[in-house]
Amino acid sequence: METRIALIGIIVESPDSIQELNGLLHEYRNYIIGRMGIPYRDCDVNIISVAIDAPQDAINALSGKIGRLQGISAKTIYSNITDVKEK
């Protein structure tokens, strides 16, 4: 299965949606390489980066679902590297 490496940048402005966000990240956990969260207390937001290696459709689905959560913004950048892996 062909996969792509991507980075999803997430800004959480509403703590009410954090549980739903964590549920989505758990659902896609097999594709996630790593994640880093930074609480920016001065602005009362959380900044999260998620590195992922997954089929294009899975990356698009996860990014879209995250972007539809209330009070959460997400953008995805893709590497030009593709890899053939069995997952």
PDB file of N, CA and C in Angstrom:
ATOM      1  N   MET A   1       0.839  -1.169   0.000  1.00  0.00           N
ATOM      2  CA  MET A   1       0.000   0.000   0.000  1.00  0.00           C
ATOM      3  C   MET A   1       0.891   1.242   0.000  1.00  0.00           C
ATOM      4  N   GLU A   2       0.662   2.146  -0.924  1.00  0.00           N
ATOM      5  CA  GLU A   2       1.469   3.358  -1.000  1.00  0.00           C
ATOM      6  C   GLU A   2       1.054   4.348   0.076  1.00  0.00           C
ATOM      7  N   THR A   3       2.054   4.871   0.768  1.00  0.00           N
ATOM      8  CA  THR A   3       1.786   5.829   1.839  1.00  0.00           C
ATOM      9  C   THR A   3       2.542   7.127   1.569  1.00  0.00           C
ATOM     10  N   ARG A   4       2.124   8.164   2.283  1.00  0.00           N
ATOM     11  CA  ARG A   4       2.809   9.457   2.222  1.00  0.00           C
ATOM     12  C   ARG A   4       3.131   9.896   3.640  1.00  0.00           C
ATOM     13  N   ILE A   5       4.167  10.688   3.746  1.00  0.00           N
ATOM     14  CA  ILE A   5       4.520  11.280   5.034  1.00  0.00           C
ATOM     15  C   ILE A   5       3.945  12.685   5.053  1.00  0.00           C
ATOM     16  N   ALA A   6       3.296  13.036   6.149  1.00  0.00           N
ATOM     17  CA  ALA A   6       2.681  14.355   6.265  1.00  0.00           C
ATOM     18  C   ALA A   6       2.787  14.847   7.695  1.00  0.00           C
ATOM     19  N   LEU A   7       2.570  16.141   7.839  1.00  0.00           N
ATOM     20  CA  LEU A   7       2.531  16.774   9.147  1.00  0.00           C
ATOM     21  C   LEU A   7       1.227  17.549   9.249  1.00  0.00           C
ATOM     22  N   ILE A   8       0.454  17.244  10.283  1.00  0.00           N
ATOM     23  CA  ILE A   8      -0.801  17.953  10.524  1.00  0.00           C
ATOM     24  C   ILE A   8      -0.556  18.926  11.671  1.00  0.00           C
ATOM     25  N   GLY A   9      -0.724  20.210  11.383  1.00  0.00           N
ATOM     26  CA  GLY A   9      -0.604  21.246  12.404  1.00  0.00           C
ATOM     27  C   GLY A   9      -1.986  21.581  12.925  1.00  0.00           C
ATOM     28  N   ILE A  10      -2.137  21.556  14.238  1.00  0.00           N
ATOM     29  CA  ILE A  10      -3.454  21.736  14.863  1.00  0.00           C
ATOM     30  C   ILE A  10      -3.369  22.849  15.909  1.00  0.00           C
ATOM     31  N   ILE A  11      -4.340  23.769  15.886  1.00  0.00           N
ATOM     32  CA  ILE A  11      -4.465  24.796  16.919  1.00  0.00           C
ATOM     33  C   ILE A  11      -5.801  24.560  17.612  1.00  0.00           C
ATOM     34  N   VAL A  12      -5.743  24.341  18.917  1.00  0.00           N
ATOM     35  CA  VAL A  12      -6.948  24.093  19.705  1.00  0.00           C
ATOM     36  C   VAL A  12      -7.282  25.364  20.483  1.00  0.00           C
ATOM     37  N   GLU A  13      -8.380  26.006  20.105  1.00  0.00           N
ATOM     38  CA  GLU A  13      -8.833  27.222  20.778  1.00  0.00           C
ATOM     39  C   GLU A  13      -9.948  26.945  21.780  1.00  0.00           C
ATOM     40  N   SER A  14     -10.605  25.797  21.630  1.00  0.00           N
ATOM     41  CA  SER A  14     -11.721  25.442  22.507  1.00  0.00           C
ATOM     42  C   SER A  14     -11.440  24.122  23.219  1.00  0.00           C
ATOM     43  N   PRO A  15     -11.281  24.161  24.542  1.00  0.00           N
ATOM     44  CA  PRO A  15     -11.020  22.910  25.266  1.00  0.00           C
ATOM     45  C   PRO A  15     -12.194  21.928  25.200  1.00  0.00           C
ATOM     46  N   ASP A  16     -13.361  22.397  24.794  1.00  0.00           N
ATOM     47  CA  ASP A  16     -14.534  21.517  24.712  1.00  0.00           C
ATOM     48  C   ASP A  16     -14.370  20.421  23.662  1.00  0.00           C
ATOM     49  N   SER A  17     -13.505  20.631  22.685  1.00  0.00           N
ATOM     50  CA  SER A  17     -13.331  19.663  21.596  1.00  0.00           C
ATOM     51  C   SER A  17     -12.126  18.748  21.767  1.00  0.00           C
ATOM     52  N   ILE A  18     -11.391  18.885  22.850  1.00  0.00           N
ATOM     53  CA  ILE A  18     -10.161  18.102  23.030  1.00  0.00           C
ATOM     54  C   ILE A  18     -10.449  16.604  23.105  1.00  0.00           C
ATOM     55  N   GLN A  19     -11.517  16.222  23.776  1.00  0.00           N
ATOM     56  CA  GLN A  19     -11.835  14.793  23.892  1.00  0.00           C
ATOM     57  C   GLN A  19     -12.125  14.191  22.512  1.00  0.00           C
ATOM     58  N   GLU A  20     -12.866  14.918  21.675  1.00  0.00           N
ATOM     59  CA  GLU A  20     -13.143  14.429  20.325  1.00  0.00           C
ATOM     60  C   GLU A  20     -11.858  14.343  19.500  1.00  0.00           C
ATOM     61  N   LEU A  21     -10.984  15.334  19.636  1.00  0.00           N
ATOM     62  CA  LEU A  21      -9.704  15.329  18.926  1.00  0.00           C
ATOM     63  C   LEU A  21      -8.876  14.116  19.343  1.00  0.00           C
ATOM     64  N   ASN A  22      -8.756  13.875  20.630  1.00  0.00           N
ATOM     65  CA  ASN A  22      -7.992  12.721  21.106  1.00  0.00           C
ATOM     66  C   ASN A  22      -8.591  11.415  20.613  1.00  0.00           C
ATOM     67  N   GLY A  23      -9.910  11.358  20.505  1.00  0.00           N
ATOM     68  CA  GLY A  23     -10.569  10.161  19.965  1.00  0.00           C
ATOM     69  C   GLY A  23     -10.187   9.913  18.512  1.00  0.00           C
ATOM     70  N   LEU A  24     -10.135  10.985  17.712  1.00  0.00           N
ATOM     71  CA  LEU A  24      -9.733  10.844  16.314  1.00  0.00           C
ATOM     72  C   LEU A  24      -8.275  10.404  16.197  1.00  0.00           C
ATOM     73  N   LEU A  25      -7.408  11.023  16.996  1.00  0.00           N
ATOM     74  CA  LEU A  25      -5.996  10.639  16.954  1.00  0.00           C
ATOM     75  C   LEU A  25      -5.810   9.188  17.390  1.00  0.00           C
ATOM     76  N   HIS A  26      -6.606   8.745  18.345  1.00  0.00           N
ATOM     77  CA  HIS A  26      -6.542   7.345  18.776  1.00  0.00           C
ATOM     78  C   HIS A  26      -7.011   6.421  17.647  1.00  0.00           C
ATOM     79  N   GLU A  27      -8.040   6.841  16.933  1.00  0.00           N
ATOM     80  CA  GLU A  27      -8.576   6.041  15.833  1.00  0.00           C
ATOM     81  C   GLU A  27      -7.528   5.826  14.732  1.00  0.00           C
ATOM     82  N   TYR A  28      -6.672   6.811  14.502  1.00  0.00           N
ATOM     83  CA  TYR A  28      -5.653   6.746  13.455  1.00  0.00           C
ATOM     84  C   TYR A  28      -4.261   6.444  14.019  1.00  0.00           C
ATOM     85  N   ARG A  29      -4.186   5.926  15.215  1.00  0.00           N
ATOM     86  CA  ARG A  29      -2.918   5.716  15.927  1.00  0.00           C
ATOM     87  C   ARG A  29      -1.941   4.824  15.183  1.00  0.00           C
ATOM     88  N   ASN A  30      -2.418   3.895  14.383  1.00  0.00           N
ATOM     89  CA  ASN A  30      -1.514   2.990  13.666  1.00  0.00           C
ATOM     90  C   ASN A  30      -0.689   3.711  12.603  1.00  0.00           C
ATOM     91  N   TYR A  31      -1.146   4.874  12.166  1.00  0.00           N
ATOM     92  CA  TYR A  31      -0.441   5.647  11.158  1.00  0.00           C
ATOM     93  C   TYR A  31       0.444   6.743  11.758  1.00  0.00           C
ATOM     94  N   ILE A  32       0.204   7.100  13.007  1.00  0.00           N
ATOM     95  CA  ILE A  32       0.895   8.233  13.605  1.00  0.00           C
ATOM     96  C   ILE A  32       2.321   7.846  13.989  1.00  0.00           C
ATOM     97  N   ILE A  33       3.273   8.623  13.489  1.00  0.00           N
ATOM     98  CA  ILE A  33       4.680   8.418  13.816  1.00  0.00           C
ATOM     99  C   ILE A  33       4.981   9.029  15.183  1.00  0.00           C
ATOM    100  N   GLY A  34       4.433  10.209  15.413  1.00  0.00           N
ATOM    101  CA  GLY A  34       4.641  10.890  16.687  1.00  0.00           C
ATOM    102  C   GLY A  34       3.813  12.162  16.745  1.00  0.00           C
ATOM    103  N   ARG A  35       3.670  12.680  17.954  1.00  0.00           N
ATOM    104  CA  ARG A  35       2.938  13.922  18.112  1.00  0.00           C
ATOM    105  C   ARG A  35       3.567  14.736  19.223  1.00  0.00           C
ATOM    106  N   MET A  36       3.424  16.050  19.087  1.00  0.00           N
ATOM    107  CA  MET A  36       3.967  16.953  20.090  1.00  0.00           C
ATOM    108  C   MET A  36       2.910  18.009  20.378  1.00  0.00           C
ATOM    109  N   GLY A  37       2.648  18.232  21.647  1.00  0.00           N
ATOM    110  CA  GLY A  37       1.693  19.244  22.049  1.00  0.00           C
ATOM    111  C   GLY A  37       2.363  20.318  22.877  1.00  0.00           C
ATOM    112  N   ILE A  38       2.033  21.560  22.582  1.00  0.00           N
ATOM    113  CA  ILE A  38       2.595  22.687  23.311  1.00  0.00           C
ATOM    114  C   ILE A  38       1.451  23.545  23.831  1.00  0.00           C
ATOM    115  N   PRO A  39       1.295  23.630  25.151  1.00  0.00           N
ATOM    116  CA  PRO A  39       0.278  24.544  25.678  1.00  0.00           C
ATOM    117  C   PRO A  39       0.829  25.974  25.660  1.00  0.00           C
ATOM    118  N   TYR A  40       0.130  26.863  24.986  1.00  0.00           N
ATOM    119  CA  TYR A  40       0.530  28.266  24.934  1.00  0.00           C
ATOM    120  C   TYR A  40      -0.399  29.025  25.868  1.00  0.00           C
ATOM    121  N   ARG A  41      -0.031  29.022  27.136  1.00  0.00           N
ATOM    122  CA  ARG A  41      -0.890  29.541  28.191  1.00  0.00           C
ATOM    123  C   ARG A  41      -1.191  31.037  28.050  1.00  0.00           C
ATOM    124  N   ASP A  42      -0.225  31.807  27.532  1.00  0.00           N
ATOM    125  CA  ASP A  42      -0.439  33.244  27.382  1.00  0.00           C
ATOM    126  C   ASP A  42      -1.633  33.560  26.477  1.00  0.00           C
ATOM    127  N   CYS A  43      -1.869  32.697  25.498  1.00  0.00           N
ATOM    128  CA  CYS A  43      -2.974  32.910  24.559  1.00  0.00           C
ATOM    129  C   CYS A  43      -4.126  31.929  24.769  1.00  0.00           C
ATOM    130  N   ASP A  44      -3.998  31.051  25.775  1.00  0.00           N
ATOM    131  CA  ASP A  44      -5.035  30.066  26.101  1.00  0.00           C
ATOM    132  C   ASP A  44      -5.370  29.161  24.915  1.00  0.00           C
ATOM    133  N   VAL A  45      -4.327  28.709  24.209  1.00  0.00           N
ATOM    134  CA  VAL A  45      -4.503  27.758  23.113  1.00  0.00           C
ATOM    135  C   VAL A  45      -3.490  26.627  23.271  1.00  0.00           C
ATOM    136  N   ASN A  46      -3.737  25.544  22.582  1.00  0.00           N
ATOM    137  CA  ASN A  46      -2.801  24.420  22.512  1.00  0.00           C
ATOM    138  C   ASN A  46      -2.400  24.231  21.060  1.00  0.00           C
ATOM    139  N   ILE A  47      -1.114  24.013  20.840  1.00  0.00           N
ATOM    140  CA  ILE A  47      -0.579  23.809  19.505  1.00  0.00           C
ATOM    141  C   ILE A  47      -0.073  22.369  19.438  1.00  0.00           C
ATOM    142  N   ILE A  48      -0.566  21.627  18.456  1.00  0.00           N
ATOM    143  CA  ILE A  48      -0.222  20.206  18.342  1.00  0.00           C
ATOM    144  C   ILE A  48       0.286  19.943  16.933  1.00  0.00           C
ATOM    145  N   SER A  49       1.367  19.192  16.838  1.00  0.00           N
ATOM    146  CA  SER A  49       1.835  18.723  15.532  1.00  0.00           C
ATOM    147  C   SER A  49       1.795  17.200  15.543  1.00  0.00           C
ATOM    148  N   VAL A  50       1.301  16.644  14.454  1.00  0.00           N
ATOM    149  CA  VAL A  50       1.170  15.193  14.329  1.00  0.00           C
ATOM    150  C   VAL A  50       1.883  14.760  13.052  1.00  0.00           C
ATOM    151  N   ALA A  51       2.913  13.946  13.204  1.00  0.00           N
ATOM    152  CA  ALA A  51       3.612  13.366  12.058  1.00  0.00           C
ATOM    153  C   ALA A  51       2.937  12.035  11.728  1.00  0.00           C
ATOM    154  N   ILE A  52       2.646  11.826  10.450  1.00  0.00           N
ATOM    155  CA  ILE A  52       1.871  10.658  10.052  1.00  0.00           C
ATOM    156  C   ILE A  52       2.445  10.049   8.771  1.00  0.00           C
ATOM    157  N   ASP A  53       2.404   8.743   8.679  1.00  0.00           N
ATOM    158  CA  ASP A  53       2.791   7.998   7.479  1.00  0.00           C
ATOM    159  C   ASP A  53       1.615   7.094   7.150  1.00  0.00           C
ATOM    160  N   ALA A  54       0.842   7.490   6.140  1.00  0.00           N
ATOM    161  CA  ALA A  54      -0.426   6.803   5.879  1.00  0.00           C
ATOM    162  C   ALA A  54      -0.797   6.942   4.409  1.00  0.00           C
ATOM    163  N   PRO A  55      -1.763   6.142   3.953  1.00  0.00           N
ATOM    164  CA  PRO A  55      -2.294   6.347   2.604  1.00  0.00           C
ATOM    165  C   PRO A  55      -2.902   7.756   2.499  1.00  0.00           C
ATOM    166  N   GLN A  56      -2.823   8.323   1.312  1.00  0.00           N
ATOM    167  CA  GLN A  56      -3.344   9.677   1.073  1.00  0.00           C
ATOM    168  C   GLN A  56      -4.780   9.823   1.574  1.00  0.00           C
ATOM    169  N   ASP A  57      -5.625   8.846   1.316  1.00  0.00           N
ATOM    170  CA  ASP A  57      -7.029   8.924   1.732  1.00  0.00           C
ATOM    171  C   ASP A  57      -7.168   9.004   3.248  1.00  0.00           C
ATOM    172  N   ALA A  58      -6.338   8.263   3.972  1.00  0.00           N
ATOM    173  CA  ALA A  58      -6.413   8.285   5.439  1.00  0.00           C
ATOM    174  C   ALA A  58      -5.964   9.639   5.984  1.00  0.00           C
ATOM    175  N   ILE A  59      -4.916  10.218   5.390  1.00  0.00           N
ATOM    176  CA  ILE A  59      -4.458  11.540   5.830  1.00  0.00           C
ATOM    177  C   ILE A  59      -5.545  12.575   5.583  1.00  0.00           C
ATOM    178  N   ASN A  60      -6.132  12.551   4.392  1.00  0.00           N
ATOM    179  CA  ASN A  60      -7.201  13.494   4.063  1.00  0.00           C
ATOM    180  C   ASN A  60      -8.394  13.338   4.991  1.00  0.00           C
ATOM    181  N   ALA A  61      -8.752  12.101   5.281  1.00  0.00           N
ATOM    182  CA  ALA A  61      -9.899  11.843   6.157  1.00  0.00           C
ATOM    183  C   ALA A  61      -9.643  12.378   7.566  1.00  0.00           C
ATOM    184  N   LEU A  62      -8.477  12.078   8.117  1.00  0.00           N
ATOM    185  CA  LEU A  62      -8.160  12.545   9.464  1.00  0.00           C
ATOM    186  C   LEU A  62      -8.114  14.067   9.515  1.00  0.00           C
ATOM    187  N   SER A  63      -7.430  14.684   8.576  1.00  0.00           N
ATOM    188  CA  SER A  63      -7.319  16.138   8.554  1.00  0.00           C
ATOM    189  C   SER A  63      -8.695  16.794   8.419  1.00  0.00           C
ATOM    190  N   GLY A  64      -9.531  16.239   7.570  1.00  0.00           N
ATOM    191  CA  GLY A  64     -10.883  16.780   7.388  1.00  0.00           C
ATOM    192  C   GLY A  64     -11.726  16.656   8.644  1.00  0.00           C
ATOM    193  N   LYS A  65     -11.645  15.511   9.299  1.00  0.00           N
ATOM    194  CA  LYS A  65     -12.414  15.306  10.530  1.00  0.00           C
ATOM    195  C   LYS A  65     -11.950  16.256  11.626  1.00  0.00           C
ATOM    196  N   ILE A  66     -10.640  16.460  11.725  1.00  0.00           N
ATOM    197  CA  ILE A  66     -10.109  17.378  12.739  1.00  0.00           C
ATOM    198  C   ILE A  66     -10.573  18.796  12.437  1.00  0.00           C
ATOM    199  N   GLY A  67     -10.513  19.186  11.169  1.00  0.00           N
ATOM    200  CA  GLY A  67     -10.897  20.539  10.774  1.00  0.00           C
ATOM    201  C   GLY A  67     -12.355  20.860  10.999  1.00  0.00           C
ATOM    202  N   ARG A  68     -13.199  19.842  11.088  1.00  0.00           N
ATOM    203  CA  ARG A  68     -14.627  20.067  11.335  1.00  0.00           C
ATOM    204  C   ARG A  68     -14.975  20.188  12.814  1.00  0.00           C
ATOM    205  N   LEU A  69     -14.014  19.941  13.687  1.00  0.00           N
ATOM    206  CA  LEU A  69     -14.288  20.061  15.121  1.00  0.00           C
ATOM    207  C   LEU A  69     -14.411  21.537  15.499  1.00  0.00           C
ATOM    208  N   GLN A  70     -15.358  21.831  16.355  1.00  0.00           N
ATOM    209  CA  GLN A  70     -15.600  23.201  16.809  1.00  0.00           C
ATOM    210  C   GLN A  70     -14.395  23.729  17.589  1.00  0.00           C
ATOM    211  N   GLY A  71     -13.896  24.904  17.215  1.00  0.00           N
ATOM    212  CA  GLY A  71     -12.816  25.538  17.963  1.00  0.00           C
ATOM    213  C   GLY A  71     -11.433  24.972  17.681  1.00  0.00           C
ATOM    214  N   ILE A  72     -11.315  24.189  16.589  1.00  0.00           N
ATOM    215  CA  ILE A  72     -10.026  23.591  16.232  1.00  0.00           C
ATOM    216  C   ILE A  72      -9.730  23.903  14.763  1.00  0.00           C
ATOM    217  N   SER A  73      -8.509  24.332  14.500  1.00  0.00           N
ATOM    218  CA  SER A  73      -8.051  24.584  13.130  1.00  0.00           C
ATOM    219  C   SER A  73      -6.953  23.582  12.810  1.00  0.00           C
ATOM    220  N   ALA A  74      -6.908  23.126  11.561  1.00  0.00           N
ATOM    221  CA  ALA A  74      -5.880  22.164  11.158  1.00  0.00           C
ATOM    222  C   ALA A  74      -5.445  22.433   9.724  1.00  0.00           C
ATOM    223  N   LYS A  75      -4.159  22.272   9.486  1.00  0.00           N
ATOM    224  CA  LYS A  75      -3.590  22.353   8.142  1.00  0.00           C
ATOM    225  C   LYS A  75      -2.612  21.198   7.987  1.00  0.00           C
ATOM    226  N   THR A  76      -2.531  20.679   6.780  1.00  0.00           N
ATOM    227  CA  THR A  76      -1.669  19.536   6.513  1.00  0.00           C
ATOM    228  C   THR A  76      -0.651  19.891   5.439  1.00  0.00           C
ATOM    229  N   ILE A  77       0.592  19.500   5.695  1.00  0.00           N
ATOM    230  CA  ILE A  77       1.620  19.618   4.665  1.00  0.00           C
ATOM    231  C   ILE A  77       2.132  18.219   4.354  1.00  0.00           C
ATOM    232  N   TYR A  78       2.435  18.006   3.086  1.00  0.00           N
ATOM    233  CA  TYR A  78       2.828  16.679   2.627  1.00  0.00           C
ATOM    234  C   TYR A  78       4.270  16.670   2.150  1.00  0.00           C
ATOM    235  N   SER A  79       4.952  15.588   2.416  1.00  0.00           N
ATOM    236  CA  SER A  79       6.267  15.349   1.858  1.00  0.00           C
ATOM    237  C   SER A  79       6.085  14.829   0.436  1.00  0.00           C
ATOM    238  N   ASN A  80       7.090  15.016  -0.379  1.00  0.00           N
ATOM    239  CA  ASN A  80       7.062  14.441  -1.727  1.00  0.00           C
ATOM    240  C   ASN A  80       7.463  12.980  -1.721  1.00  0.00           C
ATOM    241  N   ILE A  81       7.883  12.487  -0.561  1.00  0.00           N
ATOM    242  CA  ILE A  81       8.319  11.095  -0.429  1.00  0.00           C
ATOM    243  C   ILE A  81       7.103  10.183  -0.342  1.00  0.00           C
ATOM    244  N   THR A  82       7.092   9.168  -1.170  1.00  0.00           N
ATOM    245  CA  THR A  82       6.077   8.121  -1.046  1.00  0.00           C
ATOM    246  C   THR A  82       6.822   6.826  -0.793  1.00  0.00           C
ATOM    247  N   ASP A  83       6.154   5.920  -0.155  1.00  0.00           N
ATOM    248  CA  ASP A  83       6.792   4.670   0.222  1.00  0.00           C
ATOM    249  C   ASP A  83       5.772   3.563   0.048  1.00  0.00           C
ATOM    250  N   VAL A  84       6.218   2.404  -0.270  1.00  0.00           N
ATOM    251  CA  VAL A  84       5.325   1.252  -0.376  1.00  0.00           C
ATOM    252  C   VAL A  84       5.545   0.408   0.866  1.00  0.00           C
ATOM    253  N   LYS A  85       4.516   0.356   1.701  1.00  0.00           N
ATOM    254  CA  LYS A  85       4.598  -0.412   2.940  1.00  0.00           C
ATOM    255  C   LYS A  85       3.351  -1.264   3.081  1.00  0.00           C
ATOM    256  N   GLU A  86       3.489  -2.308   3.817  1.00  0.00           N
ATOM    257  CA  GLU A  86       2.326  -3.100   4.187  1.00  0.00           C
ATOM    258  C   GLU A  86       1.988  -2.766   5.606  1.00  0.00           C
ATOM    259  N   LYS A  87       0.794  -2.239   5.814  1.00  0.00           N
ATOM    260  CA  LYS A  87       0.364  -1.849   7.159  1.00  0.00           C
ATOM    261  C   LYS A  87      -0.808  -2.668   7.578  1.00  0.00           C
TER     262      LYS A  87
END
